[in-house]
């Protein structure tokens, strides 16, 4: 009798399991175990009827992976992780037919407080608010993600992100980090055709760790903005040696540091680390206590073919022990007022030549600038100074 009951019980459990599998299949989100505990793989084809990526995200357990096909016309909200959304290089999440709602803090994908989220191989397009929004201490990675035609491509608020293969095209704002957020660039990040703010840090930190931040052909007045106590760094890690920040061919100024800092640590010599080239405004504007720091001198700062190379004012600090090249800027190379300038040779040279009409205005100092220019620094023309400048070193007023 006991054996018979035991057999019936096992048969009932088996039938229940089979029924649950068919139920999941009928909802269009098939899943199978792919790791220990709750780790599972879910499949969603948004081109088939009654399939929903948003619904699958809500159902997914910790450590799950959702593989997505087709075009999904819906908003996604992720509130728990770890979780991976993998578009396999072809999936699209489109906001065209999604109810617009708020134009701020209303991401096509919102990561709300979730940790360990990866969004991979997907195109996000046409949201009147953000393409990807991180809030509430969220932590996520964007890997091989295209963002097209959003008001903001990516917005971080009190959150962190890693960018590894991200393209942002069009819209008003490309990438913006605020309120104590942080971003690490580990792969290629390409931002173009943005109207007002291609890349902005406000009260936040950014690091380029072996990746390439490429900001080009934008329509904004300022194109890489570091303000409000923010820092953008390339640190001395070995993996950071090939990191590069390139701001080029934009309709306005290249880089703005207003109470913000651009800092380069020790990296492989002769690596071109920061470039601001061919912009319609100054290559780098440093003001309101902003700083350019290349203290180790192992990186290189290259500023070429802008109207002005570096424009420093209002308590700015320019400190480099090697690794600065300023050349071919139409009106002036280094133009500073009410600032501190310290240039000394290092493992990489410092060269300021060929700036201004006929190469006549390489360094122009005024309104109480304090300058120290050490021996071995190459300046192509005599310093231009007013009577308030305090200068010392091998090149003085």
Protein backbone atom coordinates (compact mmCIF):
# COMPACT_ATOMS: atom_id res chain seq x y z
CA UNK A 1 0.00 0.00 0.00
CA UNK A 2 2.79 2.40 0.94
CA UNK A 3 4.59 1.60 -2.33
CA UNK A 4 1.43 2.29 -4.30
CA UNK A 5 0.86 5.67 -2.61
CA UNK A 6 4.49 6.62 -3.13
CA UNK A 7 4.20 5.83 -6.86
CA UNK A 8 1.04 7.90 -7.18
CA UNK A 9 2.69 10.84 -5.37
CA UNK A 10 5.72 10.79 -7.69
CA UNK A 11 3.46 10.63 -10.73
CA UNK A 12 1.54 13.67 -9.48
CA UNK A 13 4.73 15.68 -9.01
CA UNK A 14 5.89 14.77 -12.53
CA UNK A 15 2.58 15.85 -14.03
CA UNK A 16 2.74 19.16 -12.14
CA UNK A 17 6.24 19.84 -13.44
CA UNK A 18 5.19 19.08 -17.04
CA UNK A 19 2.16 21.36 -16.68
CA UNK A 20 4.31 24.21 -15.39
CA UNK A 21 6.70 23.83 -18.34
CA UNK A 22 3.83 24.07 -20.84
CA UNK A 23 2.42 27.09 -18.99
CA UNK A 24 5.74 28.91 -19.28
CA UNK A 25 5.93 28.02 -22.97
CA UNK A 26 2.44 29.35 -23.62
CA UNK A 27 3.45 32.70 -22.11
CA UNK A 28 6.32 32.85 -24.57
CA UNK A 29 9.16 32.95 -22.02
CA UNK A 30 10.88 29.58 -22.01
CA UNK A 31 13.50 29.06 -19.35
CA UNK A 32 16.03 26.41 -18.50
CA UNK A 33 18.56 25.98 -15.72
CA UNK A 34 22.00 27.26 -16.67
CA UNK A 35 23.78 27.44 -13.33
CA UNK A 36 23.44 26.83 -9.63
CA UNK A 37 20.55 27.94 -7.45
CA UNK A 38 18.26 30.48 -9.22
CA UNK A 39 20.49 31.08 -12.25
CA UNK A 40 18.33 30.48 -15.35
CA UNK A 41 18.17 31.44 -18.99
CA UNK A 42 14.96 32.98 -20.34
CA UNK A 43 14.15 33.48 -24.03
CA UNK A 44 11.91 36.26 -25.36
CA UNK A 45 11.06 36.87 -29.02
CA UNK A 46 9.33 40.25 -29.07
CA UNK A 47 8.23 39.75 -32.68
CA UNK A 48 5.85 37.00 -31.60
CA UNK A 49 2.44 37.79 -30.07
CA UNK A 50 2.01 38.02 -26.31
CA UNK A 51 5.73 38.14 -25.63
CA UNK A 52 6.95 40.68 -23.08
CA UNK A 53 10.48 41.48 -22.02
CA UNK A 54 9.19 43.61 -19.14
CA UNK A 55 7.14 40.72 -17.81
CA UNK A 56 10.11 38.37 -18.06
CA UNK A 57 12.33 40.81 -16.16
CA UNK A 58 9.82 40.79 -13.31
CA UNK A 59 9.79 36.98 -13.23
CA UNK A 60 13.54 36.43 -13.55
CA UNK A 61 15.38 35.10 -10.51
CA UNK A 62 18.75 36.33 -9.22
CA UNK A 63 21.58 35.55 -11.63
CA UNK A 64 19.23 35.04 -14.56
CA UNK A 65 19.99 35.76 -18.22
CA UNK A 66 17.29 36.92 -20.63
CA UNK A 67 18.08 36.36 -24.31
CA UNK A 68 16.04 38.70 -26.48
CA UNK A 69 15.12 38.67 -30.17
CA UNK A 70 13.08 41.06 -32.29
CA UNK A 71 11.79 44.55 -31.50
CA UNK A 72 10.31 45.20 -28.05
CA UNK A 73 7.95 48.18 -27.77
CA UNK A 74 7.86 48.62 -24.00
CA UNK A 75 9.62 50.15 -21.02
CA UNK A 76 11.72 47.92 -18.79
CA UNK A 77 12.25 48.42 -15.06
CA UNK A 78 14.88 46.35 -13.25
CA UNK A 79 14.65 46.39 -9.45
CA UNK A 80 16.75 43.35 -8.53
CA UNK A 81 19.91 41.67 -9.70
CA UNK A 82 22.17 40.16 -10.71
CA UNK A 83 20.51 40.03 -14.12
CA UNK A 84 21.72 40.00 -17.73
CA UNK A 85 19.67 41.18 -20.70
CA UNK A 86 21.37 39.91 -23.86
CA UNK A 87 20.05 41.17 -27.18
CA UNK A 88 22.45 38.89 -29.09
CA UNK A 89 23.61 41.88 -31.14
CA UNK A 90 20.32 42.41 -32.96
CA UNK A 91 17.43 43.02 -30.53
CA UNK A 92 15.82 46.47 -30.45
CA UNK A 93 13.91 48.18 -27.65
CA UNK A 94 11.91 51.00 -29.26
CA UNK A 95 10.08 53.81 -27.48
CA UNK A 96 8.20 55.09 -30.52
CA UNK A 97 4.85 53.54 -29.62
CA UNK A 98 5.34 53.57 -25.85
CA UNK A 99 3.23 56.01 -23.82
CA UNK A 100 5.54 59.03 -23.43
CA UNK A 101 5.03 59.85 -19.72
CA UNK A 102 7.58 62.10 -18.03
CA UNK A 103 10.45 63.48 -20.09
CA UNK A 104 12.86 63.08 -17.15
CA UNK A 105 13.66 60.05 -15.00
CA UNK A 106 11.61 57.82 -17.27
CA UNK A 107 14.10 55.48 -18.92
CA UNK A 108 13.34 53.07 -21.70
CA UNK A 109 15.36 50.81 -19.40
CA UNK A 110 15.45 51.91 -15.75
CA UNK A 111 17.78 50.19 -13.30
CA UNK A 112 16.35 51.12 -9.92
CA UNK A 113 18.64 50.14 -7.06
CA UNK A 114 19.56 46.78 -8.65
CA UNK A 115 23.16 45.57 -8.46
CA UNK A 116 25.10 43.49 -10.95
CA UNK A 117 22.95 44.22 -14.01
CA UNK A 118 24.39 43.75 -17.51
CA UNK A 119 22.69 45.05 -20.66
CA UNK A 120 24.38 43.63 -23.75
CA UNK A 121 24.05 43.54 -27.52
CA UNK A 122 20.93 45.66 -27.88
CA UNK A 123 19.81 48.87 -29.61
CA UNK A 124 17.69 51.29 -27.58
CA UNK A 125 15.95 53.99 -29.58
CA UNK A 126 13.38 56.78 -29.69
CA UNK A 127 12.55 57.52 -26.06
CA UNK A 128 11.57 61.14 -25.20
CA UNK A 129 13.34 60.71 -21.86
CA UNK A 130 16.38 58.50 -21.14
CA UNK A 131 17.59 55.46 -23.03
CA UNK A 132 19.07 53.98 -19.85
CA UNK A 133 18.41 55.44 -16.40
CA UNK A 134 20.24 54.38 -13.24
CA UNK A 135 18.81 55.54 -9.89
CA UNK A 136 18.80 54.62 -6.24
CA UNK A 137 22.30 53.17 -5.98
CA UNK A 138 22.02 51.05 -9.11
CA UNK A 139 25.12 49.36 -10.53
CA UNK A 140 25.16 48.12 -14.11
CA UNK A 141 27.27 47.46 -17.21
CA UNK A 142 26.43 48.50 -20.78
CA UNK A 143 28.20 46.24 -23.25
CA UNK A 144 27.85 46.64 -27.03
CA UNK A 145 24.82 48.90 -26.69
CA UNK A 146 23.59 51.44 -29.27
CA UNK A 147 21.49 54.41 -28.10
CA UNK A 148 19.72 56.40 -30.79
CA UNK A 149 17.47 59.46 -30.64
CA UNK A 150 16.78 59.75 -26.90
CA UNK A 151 16.49 63.04 -25.04
CA UNK A 152 19.27 61.63 -22.81
CA UNK A 153 21.19 58.56 -23.84
CA UNK A 154 22.29 57.57 -20.33
CA UNK A 155 21.53 59.27 -17.00
CA UNK A 156 23.03 58.22 -13.65
CA UNK A 157 21.71 59.57 -10.37
CA UNK A 158 23.48 58.26 -7.25
CA UNK A 159 24.45 55.18 -9.27
CA UNK A 160 27.40 53.60 -11.08
CA UNK A 161 27.99 52.21 -14.54
CA UNK A 162 30.67 50.53 -16.62
CA UNK A 163 30.68 51.36 -20.33
CA UNK A 164 32.22 48.75 -22.61
CA UNK A 165 31.27 49.33 -26.22
CA UNK A 166 28.59 52.05 -26.23
CA UNK A 167 27.50 54.25 -29.14
CA UNK A 168 25.30 57.30 -28.49
CA UNK A 169 23.97 59.15 -31.52
CA UNK A 170 21.74 62.22 -31.54
CA UNK A 171 19.47 63.60 -28.85
CA UNK A 172 19.94 66.54 -26.49
CA UNK A 173 22.23 64.87 -23.93
CA UNK A 174 24.52 61.92 -24.54
CA UNK A 175 25.78 60.75 -21.16
CA UNK A 176 25.18 62.51 -17.84
CA UNK A 177 26.22 61.48 -14.31
CA UNK A 178 24.94 63.44 -11.30
CA UNK A 179 24.64 63.35 -7.51
CA UNK A 180 27.64 61.29 -6.50
CA UNK A 181 27.53 58.86 -9.41
CA UNK A 182 30.53 57.13 -10.99
CA UNK A 183 31.35 55.77 -14.43
CA UNK A 184 34.24 53.64 -15.68
CA UNK A 185 35.01 53.44 -19.41
CA UNK A 186 36.58 50.06 -20.18
CA UNK A 187 35.82 49.82 -23.91
CA UNK A 188 35.08 52.11 -26.82
CA UNK A 189 32.48 54.81 -26.14
CA UNK A 190 31.49 56.88 -29.18
CA UNK A 191 29.26 59.97 -28.85
CA UNK A 192 28.23 62.08 -31.84
CA UNK A 193 25.51 64.42 -33.20
CA UNK A 194 24.34 65.45 -29.71
CA UNK A 195 22.77 68.91 -29.39
CA UNK A 196 23.65 70.27 -25.91
CA UNK A 197 25.72 67.97 -23.63
CA UNK A 198 27.52 65.00 -25.16
CA UNK A 199 29.27 63.90 -21.93
CA UNK A 200 28.77 65.52 -18.52
CA UNK A 201 29.91 64.83 -14.96
CA UNK A 202 28.19 66.85 -12.20
CA UNK A 203 29.27 66.09 -8.63
CA UNK A 204 30.44 62.72 -9.93
CA UNK A 205 33.56 60.80 -10.95
CA UNK A 206 34.64 59.27 -14.23
CA UNK A 207 37.57 57.02 -15.05
CA UNK A 208 38.91 55.80 -18.38
CA UNK A 209 40.36 52.37 -17.63
CA UNK A 210 41.85 51.11 -20.86
CA UNK A 211 38.90 52.28 -22.92
CA UNK A 212 38.49 55.05 -25.49
CA UNK A 213 36.11 57.93 -24.89
CA UNK A 214 35.53 59.46 -28.32
CA UNK A 215 33.41 62.64 -28.45
CA UNK A 216 33.19 64.00 -31.98
CA UNK A 217 31.02 65.87 -34.49
CA UNK A 218 28.60 67.17 -31.89
CA UNK A 219 26.61 70.41 -32.07
CA UNK A 220 27.00 71.55 -28.47
CA UNK A 221 28.65 74.67 -27.02
CA UNK A 222 30.54 72.44 -24.54
CA UNK A 223 31.27 68.84 -25.39
CA UNK A 224 33.03 67.18 -22.46
CA UNK A 225 31.88 68.84 -19.23
CA UNK A 226 33.41 68.20 -15.79
CA UNK A 227 31.83 70.49 -13.18
CA UNK A 228 30.58 70.72 -9.61
CA UNK A 229 33.58 69.09 -7.95
CA UNK A 230 33.73 66.22 -10.45
CA UNK A 231 36.89 64.46 -11.62
CA UNK A 232 37.72 62.65 -14.85
CA UNK A 233 40.83 60.51 -14.53
CA UNK A 234 43.12 58.07 -16.25
CA UNK A 235 44.87 56.36 -13.36
CA UNK A 236 48.18 54.55 -13.19
CA UNK A 237 46.87 51.01 -13.59
CA UNK A 238 48.61 48.84 -16.17
CA UNK A 239 45.26 48.19 -17.84
CA UNK A 240 44.79 51.96 -18.20
CA UNK A 241 47.92 52.43 -20.30
CA UNK A 242 46.06 52.44 -23.63
CA UNK A 243 43.20 54.59 -22.40
CA UNK A 244 42.35 57.63 -24.50
CA UNK A 245 40.03 60.62 -24.32
CA UNK A 246 39.48 62.23 -27.70
CA UNK A 247 37.34 65.35 -28.19
CA UNK A 248 37.46 66.42 -31.81
CA UNK A 249 35.64 68.21 -34.65
CA UNK A 250 32.84 69.55 -32.46
CA UNK A 251 30.91 72.76 -33.14
CA UNK A 252 31.79 74.30 -29.75
CA UNK A 253 34.60 74.10 -27.20
CA UNK A 254 36.21 70.75 -26.55
CA UNK A 255 36.55 70.28 -22.77
CA UNK A 256 35.11 72.39 -19.92
CA UNK A 257 36.58 72.05 -16.41
CA UNK A 258 34.65 74.39 -14.06
CA UNK A 259 35.35 73.42 -10.46
CA UNK A 260 36.24 70.07 -12.00
CA UNK A 261 39.49 68.24 -12.66
CA UNK A 262 41.08 66.30 -15.49
CA UNK A 263 43.80 64.13 -13.97
CA UNK A 264 46.25 61.73 -15.58
CA UNK A 265 48.23 59.27 -13.49
CA UNK A 266 51.29 57.26 -14.46
CA UNK A 267 50.72 55.31 -17.65
CA UNK A 268 52.93 54.00 -20.47
CA UNK A 269 55.14 56.77 -21.91
CA UNK A 270 54.27 58.25 -25.30
CA UNK A 271 50.66 57.04 -25.14
CA UNK A 272 48.34 59.78 -26.47
CA UNK A 273 45.97 60.02 -23.56
CA UNK A 274 43.92 63.21 -23.90
CA UNK A 275 43.30 64.95 -27.22
CA UNK A 276 41.25 68.04 -28.00
CA UNK A 277 41.64 68.67 -31.71
CA UNK A 278 39.87 70.67 -34.40
CA UNK A 279 36.99 72.04 -32.34
CA UNK A 280 35.21 75.30 -33.18
CA UNK A 281 35.84 76.66 -29.66
CA UNK A 282 38.84 76.45 -27.31
CA UNK A 283 40.37 73.01 -26.90
CA UNK A 284 40.22 73.07 -23.09
CA UNK A 285 38.54 75.72 -20.91
CA UNK A 286 39.63 75.64 -17.25
CA UNK A 287 37.81 78.01 -14.90
CA UNK A 288 36.23 78.47 -11.46
CA UNK A 289 39.00 76.51 -9.75
CA UNK A 290 39.17 73.83 -12.42
CA UNK A 291 42.36 71.80 -12.80
CA UNK A 292 44.45 70.05 -15.43
CA UNK A 293 46.85 67.70 -13.63
CA UNK A 294 49.53 65.59 -15.28
CA UNK A 295 51.80 65.45 -12.25
CA UNK A 296 53.65 62.27 -13.21
CA UNK A 297 54.02 63.44 -16.79
CA UNK A 298 53.66 59.92 -18.17
CA UNK A 299 50.50 60.67 -20.10
CA UNK A 300 50.15 63.15 -22.95
CA UNK A 301 47.78 66.07 -23.39
CA UNK A 302 47.51 67.11 -27.04
CA UNK A 303 45.63 70.30 -27.94
CA UNK A 304 45.75 71.22 -31.62
CA UNK A 305 43.97 73.20 -34.31
CA UNK A 306 41.39 74.97 -32.16
CA UNK A 307 40.91 78.76 -31.95
CA UNK A 308 42.67 78.68 -28.55
CA UNK A 309 44.48 75.70 -27.08
CA UNK A 310 43.96 76.00 -23.31
CA UNK A 311 41.99 78.94 -21.87
CA UNK A 312 42.50 79.19 -18.09
CA UNK A 313 40.84 81.72 -15.74
CA UNK A 314 39.27 82.34 -12.33
CA UNK A 315 41.57 80.32 -10.12
CA UNK A 316 42.40 77.58 -12.61
CA UNK A 317 45.42 75.31 -12.09
CA UNK A 318 47.55 73.87 -14.90
CA UNK A 319 50.20 71.51 -13.51
CA UNK A 320 52.20 69.20 -15.74
CA UNK A 321 55.59 67.55 -15.29
CA UNK A 322 55.87 66.60 -18.94
CA UNK A 323 53.44 65.38 -21.53
CA UNK A 324 51.84 68.52 -23.00
CA UNK A 325 51.69 69.47 -26.69
CA UNK A 326 49.86 72.64 -27.71
CA UNK A 327 50.21 73.60 -31.37
CA UNK A 328 48.44 75.04 -34.39
CA UNK A 329 45.75 76.90 -32.44
CA UNK A 330 44.72 79.96 -34.44
CA UNK A 331 44.55 82.71 -31.79
CA UNK A 332 46.73 81.41 -28.97
CA UNK A 333 48.23 78.36 -27.32
CA UNK A 334 48.02 78.71 -23.52
CA UNK A 335 46.00 81.80 -22.55
CA UNK A 336 45.69 82.30 -18.78
CA UNK A 337 44.41 84.94 -16.37
CA UNK A 338 44.02 84.77 -12.58
CA UNK A 339 45.44 81.24 -12.60
CA UNK A 340 48.44 79.13 -11.59
CA UNK A 341 50.61 77.52 -14.28
CA UNK A 342 53.40 75.05 -13.52
CA UNK A 343 55.15 73.36 -16.46
CA UNK A 344 58.26 71.24 -16.01
CA UNK A 345 59.86 68.69 -18.33
CA UNK A 346 59.45 65.00 -17.66
CA UNK A 347 59.62 61.65 -19.39
CA UNK A 348 57.40 63.14 -22.12
CA UNK A 349 58.26 66.61 -23.46
CA UNK A 350 56.30 69.82 -23.13
CA UNK A 351 56.01 71.78 -26.35
CA UNK A 352 53.94 74.94 -27.00
CA UNK A 353 54.68 76.12 -30.53
CA UNK A 354 53.06 77.48 -33.67
CA UNK A 355 50.08 79.12 -31.99
CA UNK A 356 48.52 82.47 -32.83
CA UNK A 357 49.02 84.48 -36.01
CA UNK A 358 52.34 83.45 -37.46
CA UNK A 359 53.16 81.48 -34.33
CA UNK A 360 53.37 84.69 -32.28
CA UNK A 361 51.15 83.84 -29.30
CA UNK A 362 52.14 80.57 -27.68
CA UNK A 363 51.76 81.66 -24.03
CA UNK A 364 49.68 84.70 -23.03
CA UNK A 365 49.49 85.49 -19.28
CA UNK A 366 47.56 88.25 -17.51
CA UNK A 367 45.69 89.40 -14.37
CA UNK A 368 47.89 87.99 -11.64
CA UNK A 369 48.90 84.65 -13.13
CA UNK A 370 51.60 82.78 -11.18
CA UNK A 371 53.76 80.83 -13.60
CA UNK A 372 56.68 78.41 -13.21
CA UNK A 373 58.19 77.16 -16.45
CA UNK A 374 61.17 74.87 -16.02
CA UNK A 375 64.21 74.33 -18.23
CA UNK A 376 63.62 72.06 -21.18
CA UNK A 377 60.07 73.26 -21.83
CA UNK A 378 59.84 74.33 -25.49
CA UNK A 379 57.92 77.54 -26.16
CA UNK A 380 58.11 78.84 -29.70
CA UNK A 381 57.59 82.56 -29.07
CA UNK A 382 58.33 84.96 -26.18
CA UNK A 383 55.81 85.01 -23.36
CA UNK A 384 53.16 87.73 -23.58
CA UNK A 385 52.49 89.14 -20.10
CA UNK A 386 50.95 92.12 -18.38
CA UNK A 387 52.53 93.77 -15.35
CA UNK A 388 50.52 91.74 -12.80
CA UNK A 389 52.05 88.37 -13.74
CA UNK A 390 54.51 86.67 -11.37
CA UNK A 391 56.80 84.37 -13.32
CA UNK A 392 59.83 82.25 -12.56
CA UNK A 393 61.90 79.56 -14.25
CA UNK A 394 63.55 79.40 -17.66
CA UNK A 395 60.81 81.35 -19.46
CA UNK A 396 59.72 84.51 -17.72
CA UNK A 397 57.95 87.75 -18.54
